């Protein structure tokens, strides 16, 4: 099964969705409001939970990420979040690829 994983790291919520590679319809969607004291670590923990709930150990062929701040497109390193503290120079692409 060729799944694409879409992730949204927002300032007030985190969301994840999956779709077949050749489809325009979501197969699944999960979201969670960010806690008041959110930081990069809590965001990543919440996103891992959303991803695991959707994928159930199936590996996606691609991951798309929406992030509220500058990200180095070549390295996938988050330079800064405009909404949540602790996101300075986090290697998000590498973290997602490794997991």
PDB file of N, CA and C in Angstrom:
ATOM      1  N   UNK A   1       0.850  -1.177   0.000  1.00  0.00           N
ATOM      2  CA  UNK A   1       0.000   0.000   0.000  1.00  0.00           C
ATOM      3  C   UNK A   1       0.897   1.242   0.000  1.00  0.00           C
ATOM      4  N   UNK A   2       0.740   2.119  -0.958  1.00  0.00           N
ATOM      5  CA  UNK A   2       1.549   3.331  -1.087  1.00  0.00           C
ATOM      6  C   UNK A   2       0.841   4.500  -0.421  1.00  0.00           C
ATOM      7  N   UNK A   3       1.246   4.794   0.822  1.00  0.00           N
ATOM      8  CA  UNK A   3       0.620   5.872   1.578  1.00  0.00           C
ATOM      9  C   UNK A   3       1.515   7.102   1.652  1.00  0.00           C
ATOM     10  N   UNK A   4       0.866   8.241   1.646  1.00  0.00           N
ATOM     11  CA  UNK A   4       1.539   9.517   1.875  1.00  0.00           C
ATOM     12  C   UNK A   4       1.050  10.031   3.222  1.00  0.00           C
ATOM     13  N   UNK A   5       1.989  10.512   4.021  1.00  0.00           N
ATOM     14  CA  UNK A   5       1.681  11.053   5.339  1.00  0.00           C
ATOM     15  C   UNK A   5       1.818  12.571   5.274  1.00  0.00           C
ATOM     16  N   UNK A   6       0.806  13.284   5.722  1.00  0.00           N
ATOM     17  CA  UNK A   6       0.823  14.749   5.757  1.00  0.00           C
ATOM     18  C   UNK A   6       0.778  15.194   7.216  1.00  0.00           C
ATOM     19  N   UNK A   7       1.706  16.097   7.597  1.00  0.00           N
ATOM     20  CA  UNK A   7       1.802  16.568   8.979  1.00  0.00           C
ATOM     21  C   UNK A   7       1.691  18.080   9.028  1.00  0.00           C
ATOM     22  N   UNK A   8       0.960  18.579  10.026  1.00  0.00           N
ATOM     23  CA  UNK A   8       0.818  20.022  10.226  1.00  0.00           C
ATOM     24  C   UNK A   8       1.206  20.357  11.663  1.00  0.00           C
ATOM     25  N   UNK A   9       2.358  21.018  11.804  1.00  0.00           N
ATOM     26  CA  UNK A   9       2.820  21.493  13.105  1.00  0.00           C
ATOM     27  C   UNK A   9       2.361  22.942  13.233  1.00  0.00           C
ATOM     28  N   UNK A  10       1.215  23.161  13.859  1.00  0.00           N
ATOM     29  CA  UNK A  10       0.685  24.509  14.000  1.00  0.00           C
ATOM     30  C   UNK A  10       0.942  25.065  15.389  1.00  0.00           C
ATOM     31  N   UNK A  11       0.564  26.295  15.592  1.00  0.00           N
ATOM     32  CA  UNK A  11       0.749  26.933  16.882  1.00  0.00           C
ATOM     33  C   UNK A  11      -0.302  26.544  17.895  1.00  0.00           C
ATOM     34  N   UNK A  12      -1.504  26.188  17.431  1.00  0.00           N
ATOM     35  CA  UNK A  12      -2.587  25.836  18.347  1.00  0.00           C
ATOM     36  C   UNK A  12      -3.022  24.383  18.235  1.00  0.00           C
ATOM     37  N   UNK A  13      -2.577  23.692  17.171  1.00  0.00           N
ATOM     38  CA  UNK A  13      -2.942  22.290  16.990  1.00  0.00           C
ATOM     39  C   UNK A  13      -1.873  21.561  16.200  1.00  0.00           C
ATOM     40  N   UNK A  14      -1.893  20.257  16.340  1.00  0.00           N
ATOM     41  CA  UNK A  14      -1.054  19.370  15.543  1.00  0.00           C
ATOM     42  C   UNK A  14      -2.003  18.444  14.799  1.00  0.00           C
ATOM     43  N   UNK A  15      -1.706  18.158  13.548  1.00  0.00           N
ATOM     44  CA  UNK A  15      -2.590  17.300  12.760  1.00  0.00           C
ATOM     45  C   UNK A  15      -1.763  16.394  11.861  1.00  0.00           C
ATOM     46  N   UNK A  16      -2.318  15.222  11.590  1.00  0.00           N
ATOM     47  CA  UNK A  16      -1.694  14.259  10.686  1.00  0.00           C
ATOM     48  C   UNK A  16      -2.790  13.597   9.862  1.00  0.00           C
ATOM     49  N   UNK A  17      -2.454  13.280   8.625  1.00  0.00           N
ATOM     50  CA  UNK A  17      -3.412  12.620   7.739  1.00  0.00           C
ATOM     51  C   UNK A  17      -2.665  11.680   6.813  1.00  0.00           C
ATOM     52  N   UNK A  18      -3.380  10.688   6.303  1.00  0.00           N
ATOM     53  CA  UNK A  18      -2.809   9.773   5.320  1.00  0.00           C
ATOM     54  C   UNK A  18      -3.735   9.683   4.114  1.00  0.00           C
ATOM     55  N   UNK A  19      -3.105   9.417   2.965  1.00  0.00           N
ATOM     56  CA  UNK A  19      -3.844   9.223   1.717  1.00  0.00           C
ATOM     57  C   UNK A  19      -3.070   8.245   0.849  1.00  0.00           C
ATOM     58  N   UNK A  20      -3.773   7.569  -0.071  1.00  0.00           N
ATOM     59  CA  UNK A  20      -3.078   6.779  -1.079  1.00  0.00           C
ATOM     60  C   UNK A  20      -2.305   7.726  -1.979  1.00  0.00           C
ATOM     61  N   UNK A  21      -1.198   7.270  -2.492  1.00  0.00           N
ATOM     62  CA  UNK A  21      -0.315   8.113  -3.302  1.00  0.00           C
ATOM     63  C   UNK A  21      -1.018   8.706  -4.518  1.00  0.00           C
ATOM     64  N   UNK A  22      -1.970   8.019  -5.087  1.00  0.00           N
ATOM     65  CA  UNK A  22      -2.633   8.509  -6.302  1.00  0.00           C
ATOM     66  C   UNK A  22      -4.067   8.956  -6.036  1.00  0.00           C
ATOM     67  N   UNK A  23      -4.351   9.375  -4.807  1.00  0.00           N
ATOM     68  CA  UNK A  23      -5.705   9.771  -4.435  1.00  0.00           C
ATOM     69  C   UNK A  23      -5.717  11.189  -3.887  1.00  0.00           C
ATOM     70  N   UNK A  24      -6.866  11.812  -3.958  1.00  0.00           N
ATOM     71  CA  UNK A  24      -7.034  13.148  -3.392  1.00  0.00           C
ATOM     72  C   UNK A  24      -7.969  13.123  -2.180  1.00  0.00           C
ATOM     73  N   UNK A  25      -8.234  11.941  -1.666  1.00  0.00           N
ATOM     74  CA  UNK A  25      -9.110  11.793  -0.502  1.00  0.00           C
ATOM     75  C   UNK A  25      -8.317  11.244   0.671  1.00  0.00           C
ATOM     76  N   UNK A  26      -8.563  11.823   1.853  1.00  0.00           N
ATOM     77  CA  UNK A  26      -7.906  11.342   3.065  1.00  0.00           C
ATOM     78  C   UNK A  26      -8.458   9.974   3.454  1.00  0.00           C
ATOM     79  N   UNK A  27      -7.561   9.082   3.829  1.00  0.00           N
ATOM     80  CA  UNK A  27      -7.967   7.788   4.385  1.00  0.00           C
ATOM     81  C   UNK A  27      -8.153   7.888   5.893  1.00  0.00           C
ATOM     82  N   UNK A  28      -7.432   8.818   6.492  1.00  0.00           N
ATOM     83  CA  UNK A  28      -7.515   9.015   7.928  1.00  0.00           C
ATOM     84  C   UNK A  28      -6.989  10.375   8.314  1.00  0.00           C
ATOM     85  N   UNK A  29      -7.503  10.907   9.399  1.00  0.00           N
ATOM     86  CA  UNK A  29      -7.104  12.237   9.872  1.00  0.00           C
ATOM     87  C   UNK A  29      -7.169  12.250  11.396  1.00  0.00           C
ATOM     88  N   UNK A  30      -6.120  12.748  12.021  1.00  0.00           N
ATOM     89  CA  UNK A  30      -6.067  12.872  13.482  1.00  0.00           C
ATOM     90  C   UNK A  30      -5.572  14.272  13.808  1.00  0.00           C
ATOM     91  N   UNK A  31      -6.099  14.865  14.889  1.00  0.00           N
ATOM     92  CA  UNK A  31      -5.600  16.164  15.328  1.00  0.00           C
ATOM     93  C   UNK A  31      -5.673  16.260  16.837  1.00  0.00           C
ATOM     94  N   UNK A  32      -4.864  17.149  17.368  1.00  0.00           N
ATOM     95  CA  UNK A  32      -4.814  17.345  18.807  1.00  0.00           C
ATOM     96  C   UNK A  32      -4.495  18.811  19.066  1.00  0.00           C
ATOM     97  N   UNK A  33      -5.243  19.428  19.961  1.00  0.00           N
ATOM     98  CA  UNK A  33      -4.937  20.802  20.338  1.00  0.00           C
ATOM     99  C   UNK A  33      -3.645  20.823  21.128  1.00  0.00           C
ATOM    100  N   UNK A  34      -2.828  21.842  20.889  1.00  0.00           N
ATOM    101  CA  UNK A  34      -1.559  21.974  21.603  1.00  0.00           C
ATOM    102  C   UNK A  34      -1.813  22.392  23.042  1.00  0.00           C
ATOM    103  N   UNK A  35      -1.092  21.794  23.982  1.00  0.00           N
ATOM    104  CA  UNK A  35      -1.236  22.239  25.365  1.00  0.00           C
ATOM    105  C   UNK A  35      -0.676  23.652  25.536  1.00  0.00           C
ATOM    106  N   UNK A  36      -1.122  24.342  26.571  1.00  0.00           N
ATOM    107  CA  UNK A  36      -0.700  25.732  26.798  1.00  0.00           C
ATOM    108  C   UNK A  36       0.809  25.859  26.962  1.00  0.00           C
ATOM    109  N   UNK A  37       1.453  24.857  27.532  1.00  0.00           N
ATOM    110  CA  UNK A  37       2.892  24.914  27.776  1.00  0.00           C
ATOM    111  C   UNK A  37       3.694  24.150  26.727  1.00  0.00           C
ATOM    112  N   UNK A  38       3.188  24.063  25.509  1.00  0.00           N
ATOM    113  CA  UNK A  38       3.826  23.267  24.451  1.00  0.00           C
ATOM    114  C   UNK A  38       5.232  23.765  24.150  1.00  0.00           C
ATOM    115  N   UNK A  39       6.086  22.804  23.791  1.00  0.00           N
ATOM    116  CA  UNK A  39       7.426  23.112  23.280  1.00  0.00           C
ATOM    117  C   UNK A  39       7.741  22.069  22.208  1.00  0.00           C
ATOM    118  N   UNK A  40       8.923  22.107  21.660  1.00  0.00           N
ATOM    119  CA  UNK A  40       9.275  21.185  20.576  1.00  0.00           C
ATOM    120  C   UNK A  40       9.129  19.730  21.015  1.00  0.00           C
ATOM    121  N   UNK A  41       9.548  19.434  22.225  1.00  0.00           N
ATOM    122  CA  UNK A  41       9.483  18.060  22.725  1.00  0.00           C
ATOM    123  C   UNK A  41       8.039  17.572  22.847  1.00  0.00           C
ATOM    124  N   UNK A  42       7.156  18.389  23.402  1.00  0.00           N
ATOM    125  CA  UNK A  42       5.750  17.967  23.524  1.00  0.00           C
ATOM    126  C   UNK A  42       5.105  17.858  22.149  1.00  0.00           C
ATOM    127  N   UNK A  43       5.429  18.795  21.246  1.00  0.00           N
ATOM    128  CA  UNK A  43       4.893  18.720  19.883  1.00  0.00           C
ATOM    129  C   UNK A  43       5.296  17.404  19.214  1.00  0.00           C
ATOM    130  N   UNK A  44       6.569  17.040  19.331  1.00  0.00           N
ATOM    131  CA  UNK A  44       7.042  15.805  18.706  1.00  0.00           C
ATOM    132  C   UNK A  44       6.386  14.572  19.329  1.00  0.00           C
ATOM    133  N   UNK A  45       6.216  14.569  20.637  1.00  0.00           N
ATOM    134  CA  UNK A  45       5.547  13.435  21.293  1.00  0.00           C
ATOM    135  C   UNK A  45       4.103  13.298  20.824  1.00  0.00           C
ATOM    136  N   UNK A  46       3.399  14.417  20.753  1.00  0.00           N
ATOM    137  CA  UNK A  46       2.006  14.386  20.292  1.00  0.00           C
ATOM    138  C   UNK A  46       1.937  13.930  18.840  1.00  0.00           C
ATOM    139  N   UNK A  47       2.825  14.454  17.995  1.00  0.00           N
ATOM    140  CA  UNK A  47       2.813  14.085  16.577  1.00  0.00           C
ATOM    141  C   UNK A  47       3.130  12.601  16.412  1.00  0.00           C
ATOM    142  N   UNK A  48       4.067  12.074  17.186  1.00  0.00           N
ATOM    143  CA  UNK A  48       4.361  10.636  17.115  1.00  0.00           C
ATOM    144  C   UNK A  48       3.107   9.812  17.411  1.00  0.00           C
ATOM    145  N   UNK A  49       2.358  10.231  18.402  1.00  0.00           N
ATOM    146  CA  UNK A  49       1.124   9.528  18.768  1.00  0.00           C
ATOM    147  C   UNK A  49       0.112   9.575  17.625  1.00  0.00           C
ATOM    148  N   UNK A  50      -0.053  10.741  17.006  1.00  0.00           N
ATOM    149  CA  UNK A  50      -0.978  10.866  15.873  1.00  0.00           C
ATOM    150  C   UNK A  50      -0.542   9.983  14.710  1.00  0.00           C
ATOM    151  N   UNK A  51       0.745  10.009  14.418  1.00  0.00           N
ATOM    152  CA  UNK A  51       1.289   9.213  13.306  1.00  0.00           C
ATOM    153  C   UNK A  51       1.078   7.721  13.561  1.00  0.00           C
ATOM    154  N   UNK A  52       1.413   7.268  14.762  1.00  0.00           N
ATOM    155  CA  UNK A  52       1.256   5.841  15.092  1.00  0.00           C
ATOM    156  C   UNK A  52      -0.198   5.404  15.006  1.00  0.00           C
ATOM    157  N   UNK A  53      -1.099   6.268  15.413  1.00  0.00           N
ATOM    158  CA  UNK A  53      -2.522   5.955  15.339  1.00  0.00           C
ATOM    159  C   UNK A  53      -2.974   5.766  13.889  1.00  0.00           C
ATOM    160  N   UNK A  54      -2.454   6.582  13.002  1.00  0.00           N
ATOM    161  CA  UNK A  54      -2.851   6.510  11.592  1.00  0.00           C
ATOM    162  C   UNK A  54      -2.159   5.380  10.834  1.00  0.00           C
ATOM    163  N   UNK A  55      -0.857   5.265  10.993  1.00  0.00           N
ATOM    164  CA  UNK A  55      -0.086   4.334  10.164  1.00  0.00           C
ATOM    165  C   UNK A  55      -0.145   2.895  10.656  1.00  0.00           C
ATOM    166  N   UNK A  56      -0.238   2.697  11.943  1.00  0.00           N
ATOM    167  CA  UNK A  56      -0.276   1.347  12.509  1.00  0.00           C
ATOM    168  C   UNK A  56       0.806   0.460  11.902  1.00  0.00           C
ATOM    169  N   UNK A  57       2.026   0.969  11.941  1.00  0.00           N
ATOM    170  CA  UNK A  57       3.245   0.277  11.506  1.00  0.00           C
ATOM    171  C   UNK A  57       3.416   0.141  10.000  1.00  0.00           C
ATOM    172  N   UNK A  58       2.564   0.766   9.186  1.00  0.00           N
ATOM    173  CA  UNK A  58       2.770   0.826   7.742  1.00  0.00           C
ATOM    174  C   UNK A  58       3.679   2.019   7.473  1.00  0.00           C
ATOM    175  N   UNK A  59       4.687   1.828   6.619  1.00  0.00           N
ATOM    176  CA  UNK A  59       5.605   2.926   6.323  1.00  0.00           C
ATOM    177  C   UNK A  59       5.113   3.715   5.109  1.00  0.00           C
ATOM    178  N   UNK A  60       5.061   5.044   5.231  1.00  0.00           N
ATOM    179  CA  UNK A  60       4.642   5.857   4.087  1.00  0.00           C
ATOM    180  C   UNK A  60       5.771   5.949   3.057  1.00  0.00           C
ATOM    181  N   UNK A  61       5.402   6.214   1.802  1.00  0.00           N
ATOM    182  CA  UNK A  61       6.426   6.392   0.768  1.00  0.00           C
ATOM    183  C   UNK A  61       6.921   7.836   0.734  1.00  0.00           C
ATOM    184  N   UNK A  62       6.152   8.744   1.354  1.00  0.00           N
ATOM    185  CA  UNK A  62       6.552  10.155   1.400  1.00  0.00           C
ATOM    186  C   UNK A  62       5.866  10.823   2.589  1.00  0.00           C
ATOM    187  N   UNK A  63       6.509  11.889   3.076  1.00  0.00           N
ATOM    188  CA  UNK A  63       5.956  12.676   4.173  1.00  0.00           C
ATOM    189  C   UNK A  63       6.012  14.145   3.761  1.00  0.00           C
ATOM    190  N   UNK A  64       4.873  14.819   3.864  1.00  0.00           N
ATOM    191  CA  UNK A  64       4.812  16.258   3.622  1.00  0.00           C
ATOM    192  C   UNK A  64       4.582  16.958   4.953  1.00  0.00           C
ATOM    193  N   UNK A  65       5.266  18.081   5.167  1.00  0.00           N
ATOM    194  CA  UNK A  65       5.183  18.778   6.450  1.00  0.00           C
ATOM    195  C   UNK A  65       4.864  20.249   6.241  1.00  0.00           C
ATOM    196  N   UNK A  66       3.904  20.727   7.016  1.00  0.00           N
ATOM    197  CA  UNK A  66       3.598  22.152   7.105  1.00  0.00           C
ATOM    198  C   UNK A  66       4.087  22.611   8.468  1.00  0.00           C
ATOM    199  N   UNK A  67       4.866  23.700   8.483  1.00  0.00           N
ATOM    200  CA  UNK A  67       5.448  24.163   9.736  1.00  0.00           C
ATOM    201  C   UNK A  67       5.393  25.679   9.808  1.00  0.00           C
ATOM    202  N   UNK A  68       5.035  26.205  10.969  1.00  0.00           N
ATOM    203  CA  UNK A  68       4.877  27.650  11.168  1.00  0.00           C
ATOM    204  C   UNK A  68       6.165  28.364  11.513  1.00  0.00           C
ATOM    205  N   UNK A  69       7.096  28.367  10.590  1.00  0.00           N
ATOM    206  CA  UNK A  69       8.363  29.051  10.796  1.00  0.00           C
ATOM    207  C   UNK A  69       9.342  28.634   9.722  1.00  0.00           C
ATOM    208  N   UNK A  70      10.516  29.257   9.700  1.00  0.00           N
ATOM    209  CA  UNK A  70      11.495  28.943   8.659  1.00  0.00           C
ATOM    210  C   UNK A  70      12.105  27.555   8.825  1.00  0.00           C
ATOM    211  N   UNK A  71      12.151  26.832   7.704  1.00  0.00           N
ATOM    212  CA  UNK A  71      12.754  25.503   7.638  1.00  0.00           C
ATOM    213  C   UNK A  71      13.724  25.513   6.468  1.00  0.00           C
ATOM    214  N   UNK A  72      14.922  25.022   6.671  1.00  0.00           N
ATOM    215  CA  UNK A  72      15.905  24.909   5.594  1.00  0.00           C
ATOM    216  C   UNK A  72      15.431  23.806   4.651  1.00  0.00           C
ATOM    217  N   UNK A  73      15.060  24.171   3.435  1.00  0.00           N
ATOM    218  CA  UNK A  73      14.495  23.213   2.485  1.00  0.00           C
ATOM    219  C   UNK A  73      15.499  22.134   2.076  1.00  0.00           C
ATOM    220  N   UNK A  74      16.771  22.434   2.098  1.00  0.00           N
ATOM    221  CA  UNK A  74      17.784  21.450   1.699  1.00  0.00           C
ATOM    222  C   UNK A  74      18.071  20.419   2.777  1.00  0.00           C
ATOM    223  N   UNK A  75      18.048  20.830   4.033  1.00  0.00           N
ATOM    224  CA  UNK A  75      18.419  19.930   5.117  1.00  0.00           C
ATOM    225  C   UNK A  75      17.229  19.455   5.944  1.00  0.00           C
ATOM    226  N   UNK A  76      16.095  20.156   5.852  1.00  0.00           N
ATOM    227  CA  UNK A  76      14.941  19.814   6.662  1.00  0.00           C
ATOM    228  C   UNK A  76      15.093  20.215   8.117  1.00  0.00           C
ATOM    229  N   UNK A  77      16.007  21.128   8.386  1.00  0.00           N
ATOM    230  CA  UNK A  77      16.216  21.603   9.752  1.00  0.00           C
ATOM    231  C   UNK A  77      15.296  22.790  10.020  1.00  0.00           C
ATOM    232  N   UNK A  78      14.508  22.677  11.089  1.00  0.00           N
ATOM    233  CA  UNK A  78      13.642  23.773  11.517  1.00  0.00           C
ATOM    234  C   UNK A  78      14.546  24.814  12.164  1.00  0.00           C
ATOM    235  N   UNK A  79      14.518  26.010  11.639  1.00  0.00           N
ATOM    236  CA  UNK A  79      15.355  27.082  12.189  1.00  0.00           C
ATOM    237  C   UNK A  79      14.696  27.752  13.385  1.00  0.00           C
ATOM    238  N   UNK A  80      13.349  27.883  13.352  1.00  0.00           N
ATOM    239  CA  UNK A  80      12.643  28.594  14.404  1.00  0.00           C
ATOM    240  C   UNK A  80      11.142  28.408  14.222  1.00  0.00           C
ATOM    241  N   UNK A  81      10.434  28.296  15.314  1.00  0.00           N
ATOM    242  CA  UNK A  81       8.974  28.313  15.260  1.00  0.00           C
ATOM    243  C   UNK A  81       8.505  29.702  15.652  1.00  0.00           C
ATOM    244  N   UNK A  82       7.534  30.207  14.928  1.00  0.00           N
ATOM    245  CA  UNK A  82       6.956  31.504  15.267  1.00  0.00           C
ATOM    246  C   UNK A  82       5.919  31.373  16.378  1.00  0.00           C
ATOM    247  N   UNK A  83       5.606  30.137  16.791  1.00  0.00           N
ATOM    248  CA  UNK A  83       4.517  29.913  17.736  1.00  0.00           C
ATOM    249  C   UNK A  83       4.905  29.144  18.998  1.00  0.00           C
ATOM    250  N   UNK A  84       5.869  28.234  18.892  1.00  0.00           N
ATOM    251  CA  UNK A  84       6.160  27.303  19.974  1.00  0.00           C
ATOM    252  C   UNK A  84       7.652  27.344  20.309  1.00  0.00           C
ATOM    253  N   UNK A  85       8.013  27.499  21.586  1.00  0.00           N
ATOM    254  CA  UNK A  85       9.426  27.551  21.956  1.00  0.00           C
ATOM    255  C   UNK A  85      10.122  26.199  21.800  1.00  0.00           C
ATOM    256  N   UNK A  86      11.432  26.241  21.688  1.00  0.00           N
ATOM    257  CA  UNK A  86      12.238  25.031  21.658  1.00  0.00           C
ATOM    258  C   UNK A  86      12.496  24.456  20.290  1.00  0.00           C
ATOM    259  N   UNK A  87      12.039  25.126  19.246  1.00  0.00           N
ATOM    260  CA  UNK A  87      12.204  24.613  17.886  1.00  0.00           C
ATOM    261  C   UNK A  87      13.413  25.215  17.175  1.00  0.00           C
ATOM    262  N   UNK A  88      14.421  25.626  17.882  1.00  0.00           N
ATOM    263  CA  UNK A  88      15.587  26.209  17.237  1.00  0.00           C
ATOM    264  C   UNK A  88      16.536  25.111  16.753  1.00  0.00           C
ATOM    265  N   UNK A  89      16.765  25.075  15.451  1.00  0.00           N
ATOM    266  CA  UNK A  89      17.721  24.151  14.816  1.00  0.00           C
ATOM    267  C   UNK A  89      17.424  22.676  15.109  1.00  0.00           C
ATOM    268  N   UNK A  90      16.177  22.288  14.975  1.00  0.00           N
ATOM    269  CA  UNK A  90      15.750  20.896  15.166  1.00  0.00           C
ATOM    270  C   UNK A  90      15.771  20.184  13.809  1.00  0.00           C
ATOM    271  N   UNK A  91      16.478  19.052  13.689  1.00  0.00           N
ATOM    272  CA  UNK A  91      16.565  18.322  12.408  1.00  0.00           C
ATOM    273  C   UNK A  91      15.293  17.491  12.157  1.00  0.00           C
ATOM    274  N   UNK A  92      14.199  18.169  11.848  1.00  0.00           N
ATOM    275  CA  UNK A  92      12.904  17.490  11.719  1.00  0.00           C
ATOM    276  C   UNK A  92      12.905  16.436  10.617  1.00  0.00           C
ATOM    277  N   UNK A  93      13.461  16.754   9.466  1.00  0.00           N
ATOM    278  CA  UNK A  93      13.500  15.772   8.370  1.00  0.00           C
ATOM    279  C   UNK A  93      14.217  14.497   8.804  1.00  0.00           C
ATOM    280  N   UNK A  94      15.339  14.650   9.455  1.00  0.00           N
ATOM    281  CA  UNK A  94      16.114  13.493   9.910  1.00  0.00           C
ATOM    282  C   UNK A  94      15.335  12.698  10.967  1.00  0.00           C
ATOM    283  N   UNK A  95      14.705  13.385  11.903  1.00  0.00           N
ATOM    284  CA  UNK A  95      13.922  12.700  12.924  1.00  0.00           C
ATOM    285  C   UNK A  95      12.801  11.874  12.304  1.00  0.00           C
ATOM    286  N   UNK A  96      12.073  12.474  11.359  1.00  0.00           N
ATOM    287  CA  UNK A  96      10.964  11.768  10.716  1.00  0.00           C
ATOM    288  C   UNK A  96      11.453  10.587   9.889  1.00  0.00           C
ATOM    289  N   UNK A  97      12.542  10.780   9.161  1.00  0.00           N
ATOM    290  CA  UNK A  97      13.088   9.700   8.328  1.00  0.00           C
ATOM    291  C   UNK A  97      13.563   8.523   9.176  1.00  0.00           C
ATOM    292  N   UNK A  98      14.198   8.831  10.306  1.00  0.00           N
ATOM    293  CA  UNK A  98      14.702   7.767  11.175  1.00  0.00           C
ATOM    294  C   UNK A  98      13.589   6.976  11.838  1.00  0.00           C
ATOM    295  N   UNK A  99      12.498   7.640  12.134  1.00  0.00           N
ATOM    296  CA  UNK A  99      11.398   6.951  12.811  1.00  0.00           C
ATOM    297  C   UNK A  99      10.493   6.273  11.814  1.00  0.00           C
TER     298      UNK A  99
END
